[in-house]
Amino acid sequence: MKECLVVELGLIRYTEACTLQRALVTARKADAVPDVLLLCEHPHVITLGRNGQRQHLLASDLLLRQMGVEFCETDRGGDITYHGPGQIVGYPILKLSEIRRDVVWYVRQLEEAMIRTTAEFSVTARRVDGKTGIWADVSGAGEEKLGAIGVHLSQWVTSHGFAYNVSTDLRFFDFIVPCGIAGKRATSLEKLLDRAVQSAEVSSRLARHFGSIFGFEMCAASREKMEQSLGALNEVSAHA
């Protein structure tokens, strides 16, 4: 089985995570690092994808500042979304050309990892035709979004990824039209289970199902070790 590193970043600013992803994408293109799955949480941030519409941001700049919410435009696919504490964000840096050159298939596999993880908590999550991500039926409210996806590919190397609501404060989704879909609300695993859930309960399951779906041997690695490898690569490049 191919190796895929799993790196738990903890709470990290969105812009810092993007910088790290760009460095890993460059390294992965050069085969200087294996495939990597970054798992993290972000401080409150709203991000707008490259195909997103600014009018889907419902809050003023002043309100965002007052609530401590950052706003970032980004190069991922998809529209607008919110990230915050209690939400597990996964950033796979994969050389998809060595797995399968099919972006739609890749997105479906990310959905499948979240669906299988959710099933371990005796909750059914599913796809909805024409809508990316995973959804759960909430009594009296219809379908609500549990997990979102927005990806970017460069020379068949992936970045960005998925966001899975574990104990997310769902009130922050009121600042946006989630993923540009009017009339649809977000949900969380805590809300669906009606009990507290720790992110650590979920992240290990997400990584395991991710590995099973893509045929990886998932190997834990520290952020420090990964950054040391990137630093060494930069030194070699600088002297080349």
Protein backbone atom coordinates (compact mmCIF):
# COMPACT_ATOMS: atom_id res chain seq x y z
CA MET A 1 0.00 0.00 0.00
CA LYS A 2 1.14 3.53 -0.69
CA GLU A 3 1.99 5.67 2.32
CA CYS A 4 0.00 8.79 3.18
CA LEU A 5 1.12 11.01 6.04
CA VAL A 6 -1.53 12.24 8.48
CA VAL A 7 -0.56 15.53 10.10
CA GLU A 8 -2.71 16.96 12.91
CA LEU A 9 -2.19 20.72 12.83
CA GLY A 10 -4.60 21.65 15.63
CA LEU A 11 -6.01 25.19 15.52
CA ILE A 12 -4.34 27.12 12.70
CA ARG A 13 -5.25 30.32 10.85
CA TYR A 14 -6.73 29.74 7.42
CA THR A 15 -4.08 31.81 5.61
CA GLU A 16 -1.29 29.91 7.37
CA ALA A 17 -2.84 26.60 6.31
CA CYS A 18 -3.03 27.84 2.71
CA THR A 19 0.65 28.76 2.74
CA LEU A 20 1.54 25.31 4.06
CA GLN A 21 -0.59 23.66 1.39
CA ARG A 22 1.13 25.59 -1.39
CA ALA A 23 4.52 24.44 -0.14
CA LEU A 24 3.36 20.83 0.05
CA VAL A 25 1.85 20.97 -3.44
CA THR A 26 5.20 22.14 -4.84
CA ALA A 27 6.99 19.37 -2.94
CA ARG A 28 4.48 16.71 -4.03
CA LYS A 29 4.85 17.70 -7.69
CA ALA A 30 8.59 17.11 -7.29
CA ASP A 31 8.00 13.78 -5.48
CA ALA A 32 9.88 15.25 -2.52
CA VAL A 33 7.13 14.23 -0.09
CA PRO A 34 4.56 11.43 -0.15
CA ASP A 35 0.82 12.06 -0.23
CA VAL A 36 -0.33 13.99 2.84
CA LEU A 37 -3.61 14.52 4.69
CA LEU A 38 -3.61 17.65 6.83
CA LEU A 39 -6.28 17.74 9.56
CA CYS A 40 -6.98 20.96 11.43
CA GLU A 41 -9.47 23.46 12.81
CA HIS A 42 -9.56 27.17 12.03
CA PRO A 43 -10.40 30.25 14.06
CA HIS A 44 -13.60 31.86 12.78
CA VAL A 45 -13.21 32.55 9.05
CA ILE A 46 -15.48 32.87 6.03
CA THR A 47 -13.91 31.87 2.72
CA LEU A 48 -15.08 32.62 -0.81
CA GLY A 49 -14.17 30.14 -3.55
CA ARG A 50 -13.01 31.13 -7.00
CA ASN A 51 -16.53 30.63 -8.40
CA GLY A 52 -18.25 32.22 -5.39
CA GLN A 53 -20.51 35.25 -5.33
CA ARG A 54 -19.80 38.04 -2.86
CA GLN A 55 -23.53 38.67 -2.37
CA HIS A 56 -23.72 35.32 -0.57
CA LEU A 57 -21.90 37.04 2.30
CA LEU A 58 -24.77 38.39 4.41
CA ALA A 59 -22.78 40.15 7.14
CA SER A 60 -21.13 43.57 6.90
CA ASP A 61 -17.39 44.03 7.33
CA LEU A 62 -18.12 45.79 10.64
CA LEU A 63 -20.14 42.88 12.00
CA LEU A 64 -17.45 40.40 10.97
CA ARG A 65 -14.82 42.45 12.81
CA GLN A 66 -17.03 42.71 15.90
CA MET A 67 -17.57 38.93 15.89
CA GLY A 68 -13.90 38.17 15.26
CA VAL A 69 -14.52 36.55 11.87
CA GLU A 70 -11.86 36.81 9.17
CA PHE A 71 -12.84 36.94 5.49
CA CYS A 72 -10.60 35.36 2.83
CA GLU A 73 -10.89 34.88 -0.91
CA THR A 74 -9.34 31.62 -2.02
CA ASP A 75 -8.58 29.53 -5.11
CA ARG A 76 -10.61 26.46 -4.14
CA GLY A 77 -13.72 25.43 -6.02
CA GLY A 78 -17.18 26.06 -4.64
CA ASP A 79 -18.90 29.14 -3.33
CA ILE A 80 -18.84 30.59 0.19
CA THR A 81 -18.44 28.70 3.46
CA TYR A 82 -17.61 29.15 7.12
CA HIS A 83 -14.83 27.46 9.11
CA GLY A 84 -14.46 27.60 12.86
CA PRO A 85 -13.61 25.72 16.04
CA GLY A 86 -15.36 22.37 16.33
CA GLN A 87 -15.18 21.77 12.59
CA ILE A 88 -12.62 19.31 11.24
CA VAL A 89 -11.04 20.54 8.01
CA GLY A 90 -9.15 18.05 5.87
CA TYR A 91 -6.62 19.12 3.25
CA PRO A 92 -5.40 16.17 1.13
CA ILE A 93 -2.25 16.87 -0.88
CA LEU A 94 -2.39 13.93 -3.29
CA LYS A 95 -0.83 13.21 -6.64
CA LEU A 96 -4.14 12.25 -8.21
CA SER A 97 -2.43 11.31 -11.49
CA GLU A 98 -1.05 8.25 -9.67
CA ILE A 99 -4.49 7.30 -8.32
CA ARG A 100 -7.17 8.23 -10.86
CA ARG A 101 -7.40 11.25 -13.16
CA ASP A 102 -11.02 12.03 -12.37
CA VAL A 103 -11.98 15.11 -10.35
CA VAL A 104 -15.65 14.13 -9.94
CA TRP A 105 -14.62 10.67 -8.70
CA TYR A 106 -12.20 12.29 -6.26
CA VAL A 107 -14.91 14.54 -4.79
CA ARG A 108 -17.25 11.54 -4.43
CA GLN A 109 -14.51 9.71 -2.47
CA LEU A 110 -14.12 12.64 -0.06
CA GLU A 111 -17.88 12.53 0.46
CA GLU A 112 -17.68 8.78 1.06
CA ALA A 113 -15.06 9.21 3.80
CA MET A 114 -17.40 11.59 5.64
CA ILE A 115 -20.44 9.35 5.06
CA ARG A 116 -18.66 6.29 6.48
CA THR A 117 -17.38 8.28 9.44
CA THR A 118 -20.88 9.53 10.21
CA ALA A 119 -22.24 5.97 10.05
CA GLU A 120 -19.95 4.99 12.92
CA PHE A 121 -22.05 7.29 15.11
CA SER A 122 -25.27 5.56 13.98
CA VAL A 123 -26.24 8.57 11.86
CA THR A 124 -27.10 8.32 8.16
CA ALA A 125 -25.51 10.94 5.93
CA ARG A 126 -26.03 10.97 2.18
CA ARG A 127 -25.37 12.74 -1.06
CA VAL A 128 -28.00 14.96 -2.68
CA ASP A 129 -28.21 15.09 -6.47
CA GLY A 130 -26.69 18.25 -7.87
CA LYS A 131 -25.18 19.35 -4.53
CA THR A 132 -21.62 18.69 -3.43
CA GLY A 133 -21.02 17.57 0.16
CA ILE A 134 -22.97 15.37 2.56
CA TRP A 135 -26.39 15.90 4.08
CA ALA A 136 -28.41 14.51 6.98
CA ASP A 137 -32.16 14.53 7.52
CA VAL A 138 -33.18 16.57 10.55
CA SER A 139 -36.61 15.97 12.04
CA GLY A 140 -38.93 18.83 11.09
CA ALA A 141 -36.22 20.67 9.15
CA GLY A 142 -35.56 18.47 6.13
CA GLU A 143 -32.01 17.93 4.88
CA GLU A 144 -29.18 19.95 6.42
CA LYS A 145 -25.54 20.06 5.38
CA LEU A 146 -23.08 18.17 7.59
CA GLY A 147 -19.97 18.28 5.42
CA ALA A 148 -18.76 20.59 2.65
CA ILE A 149 -16.18 20.14 -0.10
CA GLY A 150 -14.12 22.58 -2.15
CA VAL A 151 -10.99 21.42 -3.96
CA HIS A 152 -8.21 22.76 -6.14
CA LEU A 153 -5.97 20.85 -8.56
CA SER A 154 -2.66 21.91 -10.07
CA GLN A 155 -1.00 19.46 -12.47
CA TRP A 156 -3.19 16.76 -10.87
CA VAL A 157 -1.95 17.52 -7.34
CA THR A 158 -4.84 18.26 -5.01
CA SER A 159 -5.24 20.87 -2.29
CA HIS A 160 -8.04 22.29 -0.15
CA GLY A 161 -10.59 19.56 0.60
CA PHE A 162 -13.44 18.98 3.04
CA ALA A 163 -14.99 20.48 6.18
CA TYR A 164 -16.97 18.30 8.62
CA ASN A 165 -19.09 19.88 11.34
CA VAL A 166 -18.54 18.15 14.67
CA SER A 167 -19.34 20.68 17.39
CA THR A 168 -19.41 23.80 15.22
CA ASP A 169 -21.28 26.87 16.45
CA LEU A 170 -23.89 26.84 13.69
CA ARG A 171 -24.97 30.42 14.33
CA PHE A 172 -21.97 31.62 12.30
CA PHE A 173 -23.51 30.06 9.17
CA ASP A 174 -26.20 32.76 9.43
CA PHE A 175 -23.59 35.20 8.11
CA ILE A 176 -23.62 33.48 4.70
CA VAL A 177 -25.76 31.61 2.18
CA PRO A 178 -23.97 28.29 2.83
CA CYS A 179 -22.27 27.10 -0.36
CA GLY A 180 -24.53 29.50 -2.24
CA ILE A 181 -27.61 27.32 -1.71
CA ALA A 182 -30.47 29.49 -0.46
CA GLY A 183 -32.87 28.01 2.07
CA LYS A 184 -30.52 25.26 3.23
CA ARG A 185 -28.99 25.17 6.70
CA ALA A 186 -25.92 23.53 8.17
CA THR A 187 -25.98 20.92 10.91
CA SER A 188 -23.37 19.26 13.12
CA LEU A 189 -22.72 15.82 14.53
CA GLU A 190 -23.42 17.18 18.02
CA LYS A 191 -26.80 18.49 16.92
CA LEU A 192 -27.70 15.19 15.25
CA LEU A 193 -26.64 13.11 18.28
CA ASP A 194 -27.90 15.59 20.88
CA ARG A 195 -24.72 15.10 22.91
CA ALA A 196 -21.23 16.50 23.16
CA VAL A 197 -18.71 15.15 20.66
CA GLN A 198 -14.95 15.74 20.77
CA SER A 199 -13.13 16.36 17.49
CA ALA A 200 -10.58 13.68 18.41
CA GLU A 201 -13.41 11.10 18.35
CA VAL A 202 -14.00 11.96 14.72
CA SER A 203 -10.63 12.85 13.19
CA SER A 204 -9.11 9.39 13.67
CA ARG A 205 -12.15 7.81 12.01
CA LEU A 206 -11.99 10.27 9.10
CA ALA A 207 -8.32 9.45 8.53
CA ARG A 208 -8.98 5.70 8.70
CA HIS A 209 -11.83 5.79 6.20
CA PHE A 210 -9.88 8.16 3.95
CA GLY A 211 -7.02 5.63 3.86
CA SER A 212 -9.32 2.70 3.20
CA ILE A 213 -11.09 4.46 0.33
CA PHE A 214 -7.91 5.60 -1.43
CA GLY A 215 -5.87 2.48 -0.61
CA PHE A 216 -3.35 4.23 1.62
CA GLU A 217 -1.41 3.14 4.64
CA MET A 218 -2.02 6.13 6.91
CA CYS A 219 1.10 7.11 8.89
CA ALA A 220 1.01 9.76 11.61
CA ALA A 221 3.60 12.53 11.27
CA SER A 222 4.28 15.69 13.25
CA ARG A 223 3.98 19.15 11.79
CA GLU A 224 7.58 19.83 12.88
CA LYS A 225 8.91 16.84 10.95
CA MET A 226 6.96 17.80 7.86
CA GLU A 227 8.17 21.42 8.00
CA GLN A 228 11.75 20.21 8.45
CA SER A 229 11.39 18.18 5.25
CA LEU A 230 10.02 21.22 3.42
CA GLY A 231 12.85 23.36 4.77
CA ALA A 232 15.44 20.86 3.56
CA LEU A 233 13.79 20.83 0.14
CA ASN A 234 13.93 24.65 -0.02
CA GLU A 235 17.65 24.60 0.83
CA VAL A 236 18.34 22.10 -1.96
CA SER A 237 16.31 24.22 -4.40
CA ALA A 238 18.14 27.37 -3.38
CA HIS A 239 21.54 25.78 -4.11
CA ALA A 240 20.47 23.99 -7.29
